[in-house]
């Protein structure tokens, strides 16, 4: 067996054992892409294509979790099709509907990873990657919901240099709310926006209290044994 074949087998083994690591890496890579390409001519299509690849990656992770895989495909397919049609027809309204499907898929992927982590009696390396990936899935899911809320509720948010706010600004707002740091300069104004913010803040605290604390407890118990 040549070296290329051995290397390919190693990568497949790593992907099989730690699928959440690839999802987490892709999420952080997309943050870099947003920082570099946002506002650059021709950058938005590249961000959209990379976003579609992440949707497929979420489906791949869901397939390897206890969640039902066909539901993930049922959410990913219209999200991708609506995004493509929105660019071909130059119809921004379709992007909002695509964002709604994307948000649902992100939340479904997060639920699948939580079920996967809660089912383990011992903390594995993939559990740690899953904990980070789940946090980013929640952050992206709420960011897409904020995008929908901004489109459907006039004056939903105030602050930031742009009006309406860009997705990257809403993603930053989502991270600050989910982590409960409160460092964002964006303020929810409308009642639907405030409701989403409260739900995200509660979700972030619940995730840390239930899922992350359990992983820490299992790790400490294993060290004591």
N, C-alpha and C. Protein backbone atom coordinates (compact mmCIF):
# COMPACT_ATOMS: atom_id res chain seq x y z
N UNK A 1 0.85 -1.20 0.00
CA UNK A 1 0.00 0.00 0.00
C UNK A 1 0.88 1.24 0.00
N UNK A 2 0.62 2.16 -0.95
CA UNK A 2 1.47 3.33 -1.06
C UNK A 2 1.12 4.36 0.02
N UNK A 3 1.96 5.39 0.09
CA UNK A 3 1.82 6.40 1.15
C UNK A 3 0.53 7.20 1.00
N UNK A 4 0.12 7.48 -0.25
CA UNK A 4 -1.11 8.25 -0.47
C UNK A 4 -2.33 7.50 0.03
N UNK A 5 -2.35 6.18 -0.21
CA UNK A 5 -3.47 5.38 0.25
C UNK A 5 -3.53 5.33 1.77
N UNK A 6 -2.36 5.21 2.40
CA UNK A 6 -2.31 5.19 3.86
C UNK A 6 -2.79 6.51 4.44
N UNK A 7 -2.35 7.61 3.82
CA UNK A 7 -2.77 8.93 4.28
C UNK A 7 -4.27 9.12 4.12
N UNK A 8 -4.82 8.62 3.00
CA UNK A 8 -6.26 8.73 2.77
C UNK A 8 -7.05 7.94 3.81
N UNK A 9 -6.54 6.75 4.15
CA UNK A 9 -7.21 5.93 5.15
C UNK A 9 -7.17 6.61 6.52
N UNK A 10 -6.07 7.26 6.84
CA UNK A 10 -5.96 7.96 8.11
C UNK A 10 -6.97 9.10 8.20
N UNK A 11 -7.09 9.86 7.11
CA UNK A 11 -8.05 10.97 7.10
C UNK A 11 -9.47 10.46 7.24
N UNK A 12 -9.79 9.36 6.57
CA UNK A 12 -11.14 8.79 6.69
C UNK A 12 -11.40 8.31 8.11
N UNK A 13 -10.38 7.75 8.74
CA UNK A 13 -10.54 7.28 10.11
C UNK A 13 -10.75 8.45 11.07
N UNK A 14 -9.99 9.54 10.85
CA UNK A 14 -10.15 10.72 11.69
C UNK A 14 -11.55 11.31 11.50
N UNK A 15 -12.01 11.37 10.24
CA UNK A 15 -13.35 11.91 9.96
C UNK A 15 -14.43 11.04 10.57
N UNK A 16 -14.22 9.73 10.57
CA UNK A 16 -15.23 8.83 11.14
C UNK A 16 -15.29 8.96 12.65
N UNK A 17 -14.13 9.15 13.28
CA UNK A 17 -14.08 9.22 14.74
C UNK A 17 -14.44 10.61 15.26
N UNK A 18 -14.10 11.65 14.54
CA UNK A 18 -14.31 13.02 15.02
C UNK A 18 -14.98 13.89 13.96
N UNK A 19 -16.21 13.57 13.57
CA UNK A 19 -16.87 14.39 12.55
C UNK A 19 -17.13 15.82 13.01
N UNK A 20 -17.35 16.00 14.32
CA UNK A 20 -17.64 17.35 14.83
C UNK A 20 -16.43 18.27 14.72
N UNK A 21 -15.23 17.70 14.69
CA UNK A 21 -14.03 18.52 14.57
C UNK A 21 -14.01 19.24 13.23
N UNK A 22 -14.44 18.56 12.18
CA UNK A 22 -14.46 19.18 10.85
C UNK A 22 -15.52 20.27 10.79
N UNK A 23 -16.66 20.03 11.44
CA UNK A 23 -17.71 21.05 11.46
C UNK A 23 -17.26 22.28 12.24
N UNK A 24 -16.62 22.06 13.38
CA UNK A 24 -16.14 23.19 14.18
C UNK A 24 -15.08 23.98 13.42
N UNK A 25 -14.18 23.27 12.75
CA UNK A 25 -13.14 23.96 11.98
C UNK A 25 -13.75 24.76 10.83
N UNK A 26 -14.76 24.19 10.18
CA UNK A 26 -15.41 24.90 9.07
C UNK A 26 -16.14 26.15 9.57
N UNK A 27 -16.74 26.07 10.76
CA UNK A 27 -17.43 27.23 11.31
C UNK A 27 -16.44 28.37 11.60
N UNK A 28 -15.32 28.04 12.19
CA UNK A 28 -14.32 29.07 12.47
C UNK A 28 -13.70 29.60 11.18
N UNK A 29 -13.54 28.72 10.20
CA UNK A 29 -13.01 29.17 8.92
C UNK A 29 -13.97 30.14 8.24
N UNK A 30 -15.27 29.90 8.40
CA UNK A 30 -16.25 30.81 7.81
C UNK A 30 -16.19 32.19 8.47
N UNK A 31 -15.86 32.25 9.76
CA UNK A 31 -15.70 33.54 10.42
C UNK A 31 -14.58 34.35 9.77
N UNK A 32 -13.49 33.66 9.43
CA UNK A 32 -12.38 34.33 8.74
C UNK A 32 -12.82 34.80 7.36
N UNK A 33 -13.58 33.95 6.66
CA UNK A 33 -14.06 34.34 5.33
C UNK A 33 -14.98 35.55 5.40
N UNK A 34 -15.87 35.58 6.40
CA UNK A 34 -16.76 36.73 6.55
C UNK A 34 -15.95 38.01 6.80
N UNK A 35 -14.91 37.89 7.63
CA UNK A 35 -14.10 39.06 7.94
C UNK A 35 -13.36 39.58 6.71
N UNK A 36 -12.89 38.66 5.89
CA UNK A 36 -12.09 39.05 4.73
C UNK A 36 -12.95 39.44 3.52
N UNK A 37 -14.06 38.70 3.30
CA UNK A 37 -14.80 38.85 2.06
C UNK A 37 -16.03 39.74 2.16
N UNK A 38 -16.50 40.03 3.38
CA UNK A 38 -17.69 40.85 3.50
C UNK A 38 -17.42 42.27 2.96
N UNK A 39 -18.25 42.69 2.08
CA UNK A 39 -18.09 44.02 1.47
C UNK A 39 -17.17 44.05 0.28
N UNK A 40 -16.50 42.94 -0.01
CA UNK A 40 -15.61 42.87 -1.17
C UNK A 40 -16.44 42.51 -2.40
N UNK A 41 -16.25 43.17 -3.53
CA UNK A 41 -16.99 42.83 -4.74
C UNK A 41 -16.78 41.36 -5.12
N UNK A 42 -17.86 40.64 -5.29
CA UNK A 42 -17.78 39.23 -5.61
C UNK A 42 -17.58 38.34 -4.41
N UNK A 43 -17.51 38.91 -3.23
CA UNK A 43 -17.28 38.10 -2.03
C UNK A 43 -18.53 37.40 -1.54
N UNK A 44 -19.70 38.02 -1.74
CA UNK A 44 -20.93 37.44 -1.23
C UNK A 44 -21.26 36.08 -1.86
N UNK A 45 -21.10 35.92 -3.18
CA UNK A 45 -21.34 34.58 -3.75
C UNK A 45 -20.42 33.52 -3.17
N UNK A 46 -19.17 33.88 -2.91
CA UNK A 46 -18.24 32.92 -2.32
C UNK A 46 -18.68 32.53 -0.92
N UNK A 47 -19.16 33.52 -0.14
CA UNK A 47 -19.66 33.23 1.20
C UNK A 47 -20.90 32.33 1.13
N UNK A 48 -21.74 32.56 0.14
CA UNK A 48 -22.95 31.74 0.00
C UNK A 48 -22.59 30.30 -0.35
N UNK A 49 -21.63 30.13 -1.24
CA UNK A 49 -21.21 28.78 -1.62
C UNK A 49 -20.61 28.05 -0.42
N UNK A 50 -19.78 28.75 0.34
CA UNK A 50 -19.19 28.13 1.52
C UNK A 50 -20.28 27.80 2.55
N UNK A 51 -21.28 28.68 2.66
CA UNK A 51 -22.39 28.40 3.56
C UNK A 51 -23.15 27.15 3.17
N UNK A 52 -23.33 26.93 1.87
CA UNK A 52 -23.99 25.71 1.40
C UNK A 52 -23.17 24.47 1.73
N UNK A 53 -21.85 24.59 1.61
CA UNK A 53 -20.99 23.46 1.97
C UNK A 53 -21.10 23.13 3.45
N UNK A 54 -21.24 24.16 4.28
CA UNK A 54 -21.41 23.92 5.72
C UNK A 54 -22.74 23.23 5.99
N UNK A 55 -23.79 23.58 5.22
CA UNK A 55 -25.06 22.90 5.38
C UNK A 55 -24.91 21.40 5.10
N UNK A 56 -24.19 21.07 4.06
CA UNK A 56 -23.95 19.66 3.76
C UNK A 56 -23.12 19.00 4.85
N UNK A 57 -22.19 19.75 5.42
CA UNK A 57 -21.37 19.22 6.50
C UNK A 57 -22.22 18.96 7.75
N UNK A 58 -23.19 19.83 8.00
CA UNK A 58 -24.10 19.61 9.14
C UNK A 58 -24.89 18.33 8.93
N UNK A 59 -25.38 18.13 7.70
CA UNK A 59 -26.11 16.89 7.40
C UNK A 59 -25.22 15.68 7.64
N UNK A 60 -23.97 15.77 7.21
CA UNK A 60 -23.01 14.67 7.41
C UNK A 60 -22.81 14.36 8.88
N UNK A 61 -22.75 15.40 9.72
CA UNK A 61 -22.60 15.19 11.16
C UNK A 61 -23.88 14.62 11.75
N UNK A 62 -25.04 15.11 11.29
CA UNK A 62 -26.32 14.60 11.79
C UNK A 62 -26.48 13.12 11.48
N UNK A 63 -26.05 12.70 10.28
CA UNK A 63 -26.14 11.30 9.90
C UNK A 63 -25.37 10.41 10.88
N UNK A 64 -24.30 10.94 11.46
CA UNK A 64 -23.49 10.18 12.41
C UNK A 64 -23.92 10.39 13.85
N UNK A 65 -25.03 11.08 14.06
CA UNK A 65 -25.57 11.30 15.39
C UNK A 65 -26.87 10.51 15.52
N UNK A 66 -27.46 10.47 16.73
CA UNK A 66 -28.72 9.74 16.89
C UNK A 66 -29.91 10.41 16.20
N UNK A 67 -29.74 11.62 15.68
CA UNK A 67 -30.85 12.32 15.03
C UNK A 67 -31.23 11.62 13.73
N UNK A 68 -32.43 11.91 13.26
CA UNK A 68 -32.96 11.29 12.04
C UNK A 68 -32.38 12.03 10.83
N UNK A 69 -31.69 11.30 9.98
CA UNK A 69 -30.95 11.94 8.89
C UNK A 69 -31.86 12.52 7.82
N UNK A 70 -33.00 11.88 7.54
CA UNK A 70 -33.84 12.38 6.45
C UNK A 70 -34.46 13.74 6.78
N UNK A 71 -34.62 14.03 8.09
CA UNK A 71 -35.12 15.34 8.47
C UNK A 71 -34.08 16.41 8.13
N UNK A 72 -32.81 16.08 8.35
CA UNK A 72 -31.74 17.02 8.00
C UNK A 72 -31.74 17.30 6.50
N UNK A 73 -31.89 16.26 5.69
CA UNK A 73 -31.95 16.48 4.24
C UNK A 73 -33.19 17.28 3.85
N UNK A 74 -34.30 17.06 4.57
CA UNK A 74 -35.53 17.78 4.29
C UNK A 74 -35.38 19.27 4.56
N UNK A 75 -34.50 19.63 5.48
CA UNK A 75 -34.26 21.04 5.79
C UNK A 75 -33.15 21.64 4.92
N UNK A 76 -32.13 20.85 4.64
CA UNK A 76 -30.99 21.37 3.87
C UNK A 76 -31.35 21.60 2.40
N UNK A 77 -32.14 20.70 1.82
CA UNK A 77 -32.45 20.79 0.40
C UNK A 77 -33.17 22.09 0.03
N UNK A 78 -34.28 22.46 0.70
CA UNK A 78 -34.91 23.75 0.33
C UNK A 78 -34.05 24.95 0.65
N UNK A 79 -33.21 24.85 1.70
CA UNK A 79 -32.33 25.97 2.03
C UNK A 79 -31.35 26.24 0.89
N UNK A 80 -30.78 25.19 0.35
CA UNK A 80 -29.83 25.34 -0.75
C UNK A 80 -30.53 25.79 -2.02
N UNK A 81 -31.68 25.18 -2.33
CA UNK A 81 -32.40 25.53 -3.55
C UNK A 81 -32.88 26.99 -3.52
N UNK A 82 -33.40 27.41 -2.37
CA UNK A 82 -33.87 28.79 -2.26
C UNK A 82 -32.72 29.79 -2.37
N UNK A 83 -31.56 29.43 -1.82
CA UNK A 83 -30.40 30.31 -1.93
C UNK A 83 -29.96 30.46 -3.38
N UNK A 84 -29.93 29.33 -4.09
CA UNK A 84 -29.53 29.38 -5.51
C UNK A 84 -30.54 30.18 -6.32
N UNK A 85 -31.84 29.94 -6.09
CA UNK A 85 -32.86 30.68 -6.83
C UNK A 85 -32.82 32.17 -6.52
N UNK A 86 -32.52 32.49 -5.28
CA UNK A 86 -32.45 33.90 -4.89
C UNK A 86 -31.38 34.64 -5.68
N UNK A 87 -30.24 33.99 -5.91
CA UNK A 87 -29.16 34.63 -6.66
C UNK A 87 -29.45 34.63 -8.15
N UNK A 88 -30.07 33.57 -8.65
CA UNK A 88 -30.38 33.52 -10.08
C UNK A 88 -31.48 34.50 -10.45
N UNK A 89 -32.49 34.61 -9.59
CA UNK A 89 -33.63 35.49 -9.87
C UNK A 89 -33.46 36.88 -9.28
N UNK A 90 -32.36 37.07 -8.52
CA UNK A 90 -32.11 38.35 -7.83
C UNK A 90 -33.32 38.75 -6.98
N UNK A 91 -33.76 37.78 -6.17
CA UNK A 91 -34.92 37.96 -5.31
C UNK A 91 -34.50 37.84 -3.85
N UNK A 92 -34.27 38.94 -3.13
CA UNK A 92 -33.82 38.86 -1.74
C UNK A 92 -34.83 38.18 -0.81
N UNK A 93 -36.12 38.21 -1.18
CA UNK A 93 -37.13 37.59 -0.32
C UNK A 93 -36.89 36.09 -0.18
N UNK A 94 -36.38 35.47 -1.26
CA UNK A 94 -36.10 34.03 -1.19
C UNK A 94 -34.97 33.74 -0.21
N UNK A 95 -34.02 34.67 -0.08
CA UNK A 95 -32.92 34.49 0.86
C UNK A 95 -33.44 34.44 2.30
N UNK A 96 -34.49 35.20 2.59
CA UNK A 96 -35.06 35.18 3.93
C UNK A 96 -35.68 33.83 4.23
N UNK A 97 -36.41 33.28 3.26
CA UNK A 97 -36.97 31.95 3.46
C UNK A 97 -35.88 30.89 3.57
N UNK A 98 -34.81 31.05 2.80
CA UNK A 98 -33.67 30.13 2.92
C UNK A 98 -33.05 30.23 4.30
N UNK A 99 -32.95 31.45 4.83
CA UNK A 99 -32.40 31.64 6.18
C UNK A 99 -33.24 30.94 7.23
N UNK A 100 -34.55 30.92 7.03
CA UNK A 100 -35.44 30.25 7.98
C UNK A 100 -35.17 28.75 7.99
N UNK A 101 -35.01 28.15 6.82
CA UNK A 101 -34.68 26.73 6.75
C UNK A 101 -33.29 26.46 7.31
N UNK A 102 -32.34 27.35 7.03
CA UNK A 102 -30.99 27.17 7.56
C UNK A 102 -30.99 27.22 9.09
N UNK A 103 -31.73 28.17 9.65
CA UNK A 103 -31.80 28.26 11.11
C UNK A 103 -32.34 26.96 11.70
N UNK A 104 -33.40 26.42 11.08
CA UNK A 104 -33.98 25.18 11.58
C UNK A 104 -33.00 24.03 11.49
N UNK A 105 -32.24 23.97 10.39
CA UNK A 105 -31.24 22.91 10.24
C UNK A 105 -30.13 23.05 11.28
N UNK A 106 -29.69 24.27 11.54
CA UNK A 106 -28.65 24.49 12.55
C UNK A 106 -29.13 24.04 13.92
N UNK A 107 -30.36 24.36 14.26
CA UNK A 107 -30.89 23.94 15.56
C UNK A 107 -31.07 22.43 15.62
N UNK A 108 -31.50 21.84 14.51
CA UNK A 108 -31.66 20.38 14.49
C UNK A 108 -30.32 19.68 14.63
N UNK A 109 -29.29 20.23 13.96
CA UNK A 109 -27.95 19.68 14.12
C UNK A 109 -27.45 19.80 15.54
N UNK A 110 -27.73 20.94 16.18
CA UNK A 110 -27.33 21.12 17.58
C UNK A 110 -28.04 20.13 18.49
N UNK A 111 -29.34 19.89 18.23
CA UNK A 111 -30.09 18.93 19.03
C UNK A 111 -29.52 17.52 18.86
N UNK A 112 -29.15 17.17 17.63
CA UNK A 112 -28.55 15.85 17.40
C UNK A 112 -27.24 15.67 18.14
N UNK A 113 -26.41 16.70 18.15
CA UNK A 113 -25.13 16.61 18.87
C UNK A 113 -25.34 16.55 20.37
N UNK A 114 -26.34 17.27 20.88
CA UNK A 114 -26.62 17.22 22.32
C UNK A 114 -27.07 15.82 22.72
N UNK A 115 -27.95 15.22 21.93
CA UNK A 115 -28.39 13.84 22.22
C UNK A 115 -27.19 12.90 22.18
N UNK A 116 -26.31 13.11 21.22
CA UNK A 116 -25.10 12.29 21.11
C UNK A 116 -24.21 12.43 22.34
N UNK A 117 -23.99 13.66 22.79
CA UNK A 117 -23.12 13.88 23.95
C UNK A 117 -23.76 13.36 25.24
N UNK A 118 -25.07 13.56 25.38
CA UNK A 118 -25.74 13.12 26.60
C UNK A 118 -25.83 11.60 26.69
N UNK A 119 -25.68 10.91 25.57
CA UNK A 119 -25.76 9.46 25.57
C UNK A 119 -24.46 8.77 25.94
N UNK A 120 -23.35 9.51 25.97
CA UNK A 120 -22.05 8.91 26.30
C UNK A 120 -21.84 8.86 27.81
N UNK A 121 -21.28 7.76 28.27
CA UNK A 121 -20.95 7.63 29.68
C UNK A 121 -19.52 8.05 29.97
N UNK A 122 -18.73 8.16 28.92
CA UNK A 122 -17.35 8.61 29.05
C UNK A 122 -17.10 9.73 28.04
N UNK A 123 -16.34 10.70 28.43
CA UNK A 123 -16.05 11.83 27.55
C UNK A 123 -14.96 11.44 26.56
N UNK A 124 -15.28 11.54 25.28
CA UNK A 124 -14.32 11.25 24.23
C UNK A 124 -13.84 12.56 23.62
N UNK A 125 -12.85 12.45 22.75
CA UNK A 125 -12.34 13.63 22.07
C UNK A 125 -13.42 14.25 21.19
N UNK A 126 -14.22 13.39 20.56
CA UNK A 126 -15.28 13.91 19.71
C UNK A 126 -16.36 14.62 20.53
N UNK A 127 -16.57 14.22 21.78
CA UNK A 127 -17.51 14.92 22.65
C UNK A 127 -17.06 16.37 22.87
N UNK A 128 -15.77 16.55 23.04
CA UNK A 128 -15.26 17.91 23.25
C UNK A 128 -15.42 18.76 21.99
N UNK A 129 -15.13 18.16 20.84
CA UNK A 129 -15.37 18.88 19.58
C UNK A 129 -16.86 19.15 19.39
N UNK A 130 -17.70 18.20 19.79
CA UNK A 130 -19.14 18.36 19.64
C UNK A 130 -19.65 19.50 20.51
N UNK A 131 -19.07 19.65 21.70
CA UNK A 131 -19.48 20.74 22.59
C UNK A 131 -19.23 22.10 21.94
N UNK A 132 -18.06 22.25 21.32
CA UNK A 132 -17.76 23.50 20.62
C UNK A 132 -18.61 23.68 19.38
N UNK A 133 -18.81 22.60 18.62
CA UNK A 133 -19.60 22.69 17.40
C UNK A 133 -21.06 23.03 17.71
N UNK A 134 -21.58 22.46 18.79
CA UNK A 134 -22.97 22.74 19.17
C UNK A 134 -23.15 24.21 19.51
N UNK A 135 -22.18 24.78 20.20
CA UNK A 135 -22.26 26.21 20.53
C UNK A 135 -22.32 27.06 19.27
N UNK A 136 -21.48 26.73 18.29
CA UNK A 136 -21.49 27.51 17.05
C UNK A 136 -22.78 27.29 16.27
N UNK A 137 -23.33 26.08 16.32
CA UNK A 137 -24.60 25.83 15.63
C UNK A 137 -25.72 26.68 16.22
N UNK A 138 -25.75 26.78 17.54
CA UNK A 138 -26.74 27.64 18.18
C UNK A 138 -26.54 29.10 17.76
N UNK A 139 -25.28 29.55 17.76
CA UNK A 139 -24.99 30.94 17.42
C UNK A 139 -25.41 31.25 15.99
N UNK A 140 -25.10 30.37 15.05
CA UNK A 140 -25.49 30.59 13.66
C UNK A 140 -27.00 30.50 13.51
N UNK A 141 -27.63 29.55 14.20
CA UNK A 141 -29.07 29.40 14.08
C UNK A 141 -29.82 30.66 14.51
N UNK A 142 -29.42 31.22 15.65
CA UNK A 142 -30.08 32.44 16.11
C UNK A 142 -29.73 33.63 15.20
N UNK A 143 -28.53 33.66 14.65
CA UNK A 143 -28.18 34.74 13.73
C UNK A 143 -29.09 34.73 12.51
N UNK A 144 -29.39 33.55 11.98
CA UNK A 144 -30.31 33.46 10.85
C UNK A 144 -31.72 33.88 11.27
N UNK A 145 -32.12 33.53 12.49
CA UNK A 145 -33.43 33.98 12.96
C UNK A 145 -33.48 35.50 13.11
N UNK A 146 -32.38 36.09 13.56
CA UNK A 146 -32.31 37.54 13.65
C UNK A 146 -32.43 38.17 12.26
N UNK A 147 -31.82 37.52 11.27
CA UNK A 147 -31.91 38.02 9.90
C UNK A 147 -33.35 38.01 9.42
N UNK A 148 -34.06 36.92 9.72
CA UNK A 148 -35.47 36.82 9.35
C UNK A 148 -36.29 37.86 10.10
N UNK A 149 -36.02 38.01 11.40
CA UNK A 149 -36.75 38.98 12.22
C UNK A 149 -36.53 40.39 11.71
N UNK A 150 -35.33 40.70 11.30
CA UNK A 150 -35.02 42.04 10.77
C UNK A 150 -35.79 42.31 9.49
N UNK A 151 -35.98 41.26 8.68
CA UNK A 151 -36.70 41.43 7.41
C UNK A 151 -38.20 41.54 7.62
N UNK A 152 -38.72 40.84 8.63
CA UNK A 152 -40.17 40.80 8.83
C UNK A 152 -40.67 41.80 9.87
N UNK A 153 -39.77 42.34 10.68
CA UNK A 153 -40.16 43.30 11.72
C UNK A 153 -39.34 44.57 11.52
N UNK A 154 -39.99 45.62 11.07
CA UNK A 154 -39.28 46.87 10.78
C UNK A 154 -38.68 47.46 12.05
N UNK A 155 -37.42 47.88 11.96
CA UNK A 155 -36.74 48.47 13.10
C UNK A 155 -36.52 47.50 14.24
N UNK A 156 -36.21 46.23 13.89
CA UNK A 156 -36.05 45.21 14.92
C UNK A 156 -34.82 45.46 15.78
N UNK A 157 -33.75 45.99 15.18
CA UNK A 157 -32.49 46.21 15.88
C UNK A 157 -31.98 47.61 15.61
N UNK A 158 -31.24 48.12 16.55
CA UNK A 158 -30.55 49.40 16.36
C UNK A 158 -29.09 49.22 16.73
N UNK A 159 -28.23 50.07 16.18
CA UNK A 159 -26.81 49.97 16.45
C UNK A 159 -26.08 49.39 15.27
N UNK A 160 -24.75 49.42 15.35
CA UNK A 160 -23.95 48.93 14.23
C UNK A 160 -23.83 49.97 13.15
N UNK A 161 -22.84 49.84 12.30
CA UNK A 161 -22.60 50.85 11.27
C UNK A 161 -23.54 50.75 10.08
N UNK A 162 -24.30 49.63 9.97
CA UNK A 162 -25.14 49.46 8.79
C UNK A 162 -26.61 49.37 9.20
N UNK A 163 -27.46 49.75 8.28
CA UNK A 163 -28.90 49.61 8.47
C UNK A 163 -29.53 49.23 7.13
N UNK A 164 -30.11 48.04 7.01
CA UNK A 164 -30.19 47.01 8.05
C UNK A 164 -28.84 46.35 8.34
N UNK A 165 -28.80 45.63 9.44
CA UNK A 165 -27.54 45.02 9.86
C UNK A 165 -27.16 43.87 8.94
N UNK A 166 -25.88 43.68 8.74
CA UNK A 166 -25.40 42.56 7.93
C UNK A 166 -25.48 41.28 8.74
N UNK A 167 -25.36 40.15 8.04
CA UNK A 167 -25.41 38.87 8.73
C UNK A 167 -24.25 38.72 9.71
N UNK A 168 -23.09 39.21 9.33
CA UNK A 168 -21.93 39.09 10.22
C UNK A 168 -22.14 39.89 11.50
N UNK A 169 -22.76 41.06 11.39
CA UNK A 169 -23.07 41.84 12.59
C UNK A 169 -24.08 41.11 13.47
N UNK A 170 -25.07 40.50 12.85
CA UNK A 170 -26.05 39.74 13.61
C UNK A 170 -25.43 38.48 14.23
N UNK A 171 -24.44 37.91 13.54
CA UNK A 171 -23.75 36.75 14.10
C UNK A 171 -22.93 37.15 15.32
N UNK A 172 -22.28 38.30 15.25
CA UNK A 172 -21.56 38.83 16.41
C UNK A 172 -22.53 39.07 17.57
N UNK A 173 -23.68 39.64 17.27
CA UNK A 173 -24.70 39.87 18.29
C UNK A 173 -25.16 38.55 18.90
N UNK A 174 -25.29 37.52 18.06
CA UNK A 174 -25.72 36.20 18.55
C UNK A 174 -24.69 35.58 19.48
N UNK A 175 -23.41 35.71 19.13
CA UNK A 175 -22.36 35.15 19.98
C UNK A 175 -22.34 35.84 21.35
N UNK A 176 -22.52 37.15 21.37
CA UNK A 176 -22.48 37.87 22.65
C UNK A 176 -23.66 37.49 23.53
N UNK A 177 -24.81 37.24 22.92
CA UNK A 177 -25.98 36.85 23.70
C UNK A 177 -25.88 35.41 24.19
N UNK A 178 -25.43 34.53 23.31
CA UNK A 178 -25.35 33.11 23.68
C UNK A 178 -24.31 32.88 24.77
N UNK A 179 -23.22 33.63 24.73
CA UNK A 179 -22.18 33.49 25.74
C UNK A 179 -22.43 34.35 26.97
N UNK A 180 -23.49 35.18 26.91
CA UNK A 180 -23.89 36.05 28.03
C UNK A 180 -22.80 37.06 28.39
N UNK A 181 -22.00 37.47 27.41
CA UNK A 181 -20.98 38.48 27.68
C UNK A 181 -21.57 39.89 27.62
N UNK A 182 -22.61 40.07 26.78
CA UNK A 182 -23.25 41.37 26.68
C UNK A 182 -22.36 42.47 26.14
N UNK A 183 -21.45 42.15 25.23
CA UNK A 183 -20.49 43.14 24.74
C UNK A 183 -20.90 43.74 23.40
N UNK A 184 -22.09 43.45 22.91
CA UNK A 184 -22.49 43.93 21.61
C UNK A 184 -23.01 45.36 21.67
N UNK A 185 -22.81 46.09 20.55
CA UNK A 185 -23.35 47.44 20.44
C UNK A 185 -24.71 47.45 19.76
N UNK A 186 -25.26 46.28 19.51
CA UNK A 186 -26.56 46.14 18.86
C UNK A 186 -27.64 45.92 19.92
N UNK A 187 -28.76 46.59 19.76
CA UNK A 187 -29.83 46.54 20.76
C UNK A 187 -31.13 46.10 20.08
N UNK A 188 -31.82 45.09 20.63
CA UNK A 188 -33.13 44.72 20.08
C UNK A 188 -34.17 45.77 20.42
N UNK A 189 -34.96 46.14 19.43
CA UNK A 189 -35.96 47.20 19.61
C UNK A 189 -37.38 46.64 19.60
N UNK A 190 -37.71 45.84 18.59
CA UNK A 190 -39.06 45.33 18.47
C UNK A 190 -39.29 44.17 19.45
N UNK A 191 -40.54 43.89 19.72
CA UNK A 191 -40.89 42.79 20.65
C UNK A 191 -40.44 41.42 20.14
N UNK A 192 -40.61 41.09 18.84
CA UNK A 192 -40.10 39.80 18.35
C UNK A 192 -38.60 39.67 18.52
N UNK A 193 -37.86 40.76 18.28
CA UNK A 193 -36.41 40.72 18.44
C UNK A 193 -36.02 40.47 19.89
N UNK A 194 -36.70 41.15 20.80
CA UNK A 194 -36.40 40.96 22.22
C UNK A 194 -36.75 39.56 22.68
N UNK A 195 -37.83 39.00 22.14
CA UNK A 195 -38.20 37.63 22.48
C UNK A 195 -37.11 36.65 22.04
N UNK A 196 -36.60 36.82 20.81
CA UNK A 196 -35.54 35.94 20.32
C UNK A 196 -34.28 36.07 21.18
N UNK A 197 -33.97 37.29 21.59
CA UNK A 197 -32.79 37.52 22.42
C UNK A 197 -32.94 36.81 23.76
N UNK A 198 -34.11 36.91 24.36
CA UNK A 198 -34.33 36.25 25.65
C UNK A 198 -34.24 34.73 25.52
N UNK A 199 -34.79 34.19 24.42
CA UNK A 199 -34.71 32.74 24.20
C UNK A 199 -33.25 32.31 24.03
N UNK A 200 -32.48 33.09 23.28
CA UNK A 200 -31.07 32.73 23.08
C UNK A 200 -30.28 32.82 24.38
N UNK A 201 -30.53 33.85 25.16
CA UNK A 201 -29.82 33.97 26.43
C UNK A 201 -30.13 32.80 27.35
N UNK A 202 -31.40 32.40 27.41
CA UNK A 202 -31.77 31.24 28.22
C UNK A 202 -31.13 29.97 27.67
N UNK A 203 -31.12 29.82 26.33
CA UNK A 203 -30.52 28.63 25.71
C UNK A 203 -29.04 28.53 26.02
N UNK A 204 -28.34 29.68 25.99
CA UNK A 204 -26.91 29.66 26.28
C UNK A 204 -26.62 29.24 27.71
N UNK A 205 -27.40 29.78 28.65
CA UNK A 205 -27.20 29.41 30.06
C UNK A 205 -27.56 27.95 30.29
N UNK A 206 -28.66 27.49 29.69
CA UNK A 206 -29.07 26.10 29.85
C UNK A 206 -28.04 25.15 29.25
N UNK A 207 -27.47 25.52 28.11
CA UNK A 207 -26.48 24.66 27.47
C UNK A 207 -25.25 24.50 28.36
N UNK A 208 -24.79 25.60 28.94
CA UNK A 208 -23.63 25.53 29.82
C UNK A 208 -23.95 24.76 31.10
N UNK A 209 -25.15 24.97 31.64
CA UNK A 209 -25.52 24.35 32.90
C UNK A 209 -25.77 22.85 32.78
N UNK A 210 -26.34 22.44 31.66
CA UNK A 210 -26.75 21.03 31.52
C UNK A 210 -25.70 20.21 30.77
N UNK A 211 -25.33 20.65 29.57
CA UNK A 211 -24.48 19.84 28.71
C UNK A 211 -23.01 19.97 29.07
N UNK A 212 -22.51 21.21 29.08
CA UNK A 212 -21.08 21.42 29.35
C UNK A 212 -20.71 20.98 30.76
N UNK A 213 -21.57 21.29 31.74
CA UNK A 213 -21.27 20.88 33.11
C UNK A 213 -21.26 19.36 33.24
N UNK A 214 -22.10 18.67 32.49
CA UNK A 214 -22.09 17.20 32.53
C UNK A 214 -20.78 16.65 31.97
N UNK A 215 -20.32 17.23 30.86
CA UNK A 215 -19.05 16.77 30.30
C UNK A 215 -17.89 17.02 31.28
N UNK A 216 -17.93 18.16 31.95
CA UNK A 216 -16.88 18.44 32.94
C UNK A 216 -16.96 17.46 34.09
N UNK A 217 -18.19 17.15 34.55
CA UNK A 217 -18.36 16.20 35.64
C UNK A 217 -17.87 14.81 35.28
N UNK A 218 -18.17 14.36 34.05
CA UNK A 218 -17.70 13.04 33.62
C UNK A 218 -16.18 13.01 33.52
N UNK A 219 -15.59 14.12 33.05
CA UNK A 219 -14.14 14.18 32.95
C UNK A 219 -13.49 14.10 34.32
N UNK A 220 -14.01 14.84 35.29
CA UNK A 220 -13.46 14.82 36.64
C UNK A 220 -13.64 13.44 37.29
N UNK A 221 -14.80 12.82 37.05
CA UNK A 221 -15.05 11.50 37.62
C UNK A 221 -14.08 10.46 37.04
N UNK A 222 -13.78 10.58 35.77
CA UNK A 222 -12.85 9.67 35.14
C UNK A 222 -11.45 9.85 35.68
N UNK A 223 -11.04 11.11 35.93
CA UNK A 223 -9.72 11.36 36.49
C UNK A 223 -9.61 10.82 37.91
N UNK A 224 -10.69 10.95 38.69
CA UNK A 224 -10.66 10.44 40.06
C UNK A 224 -10.55 8.93 40.09
N UNK A 225 -11.21 8.24 39.14
CA UNK A 225 -11.11 6.80 39.09
C UNK A 225 -9.70 6.34 38.73
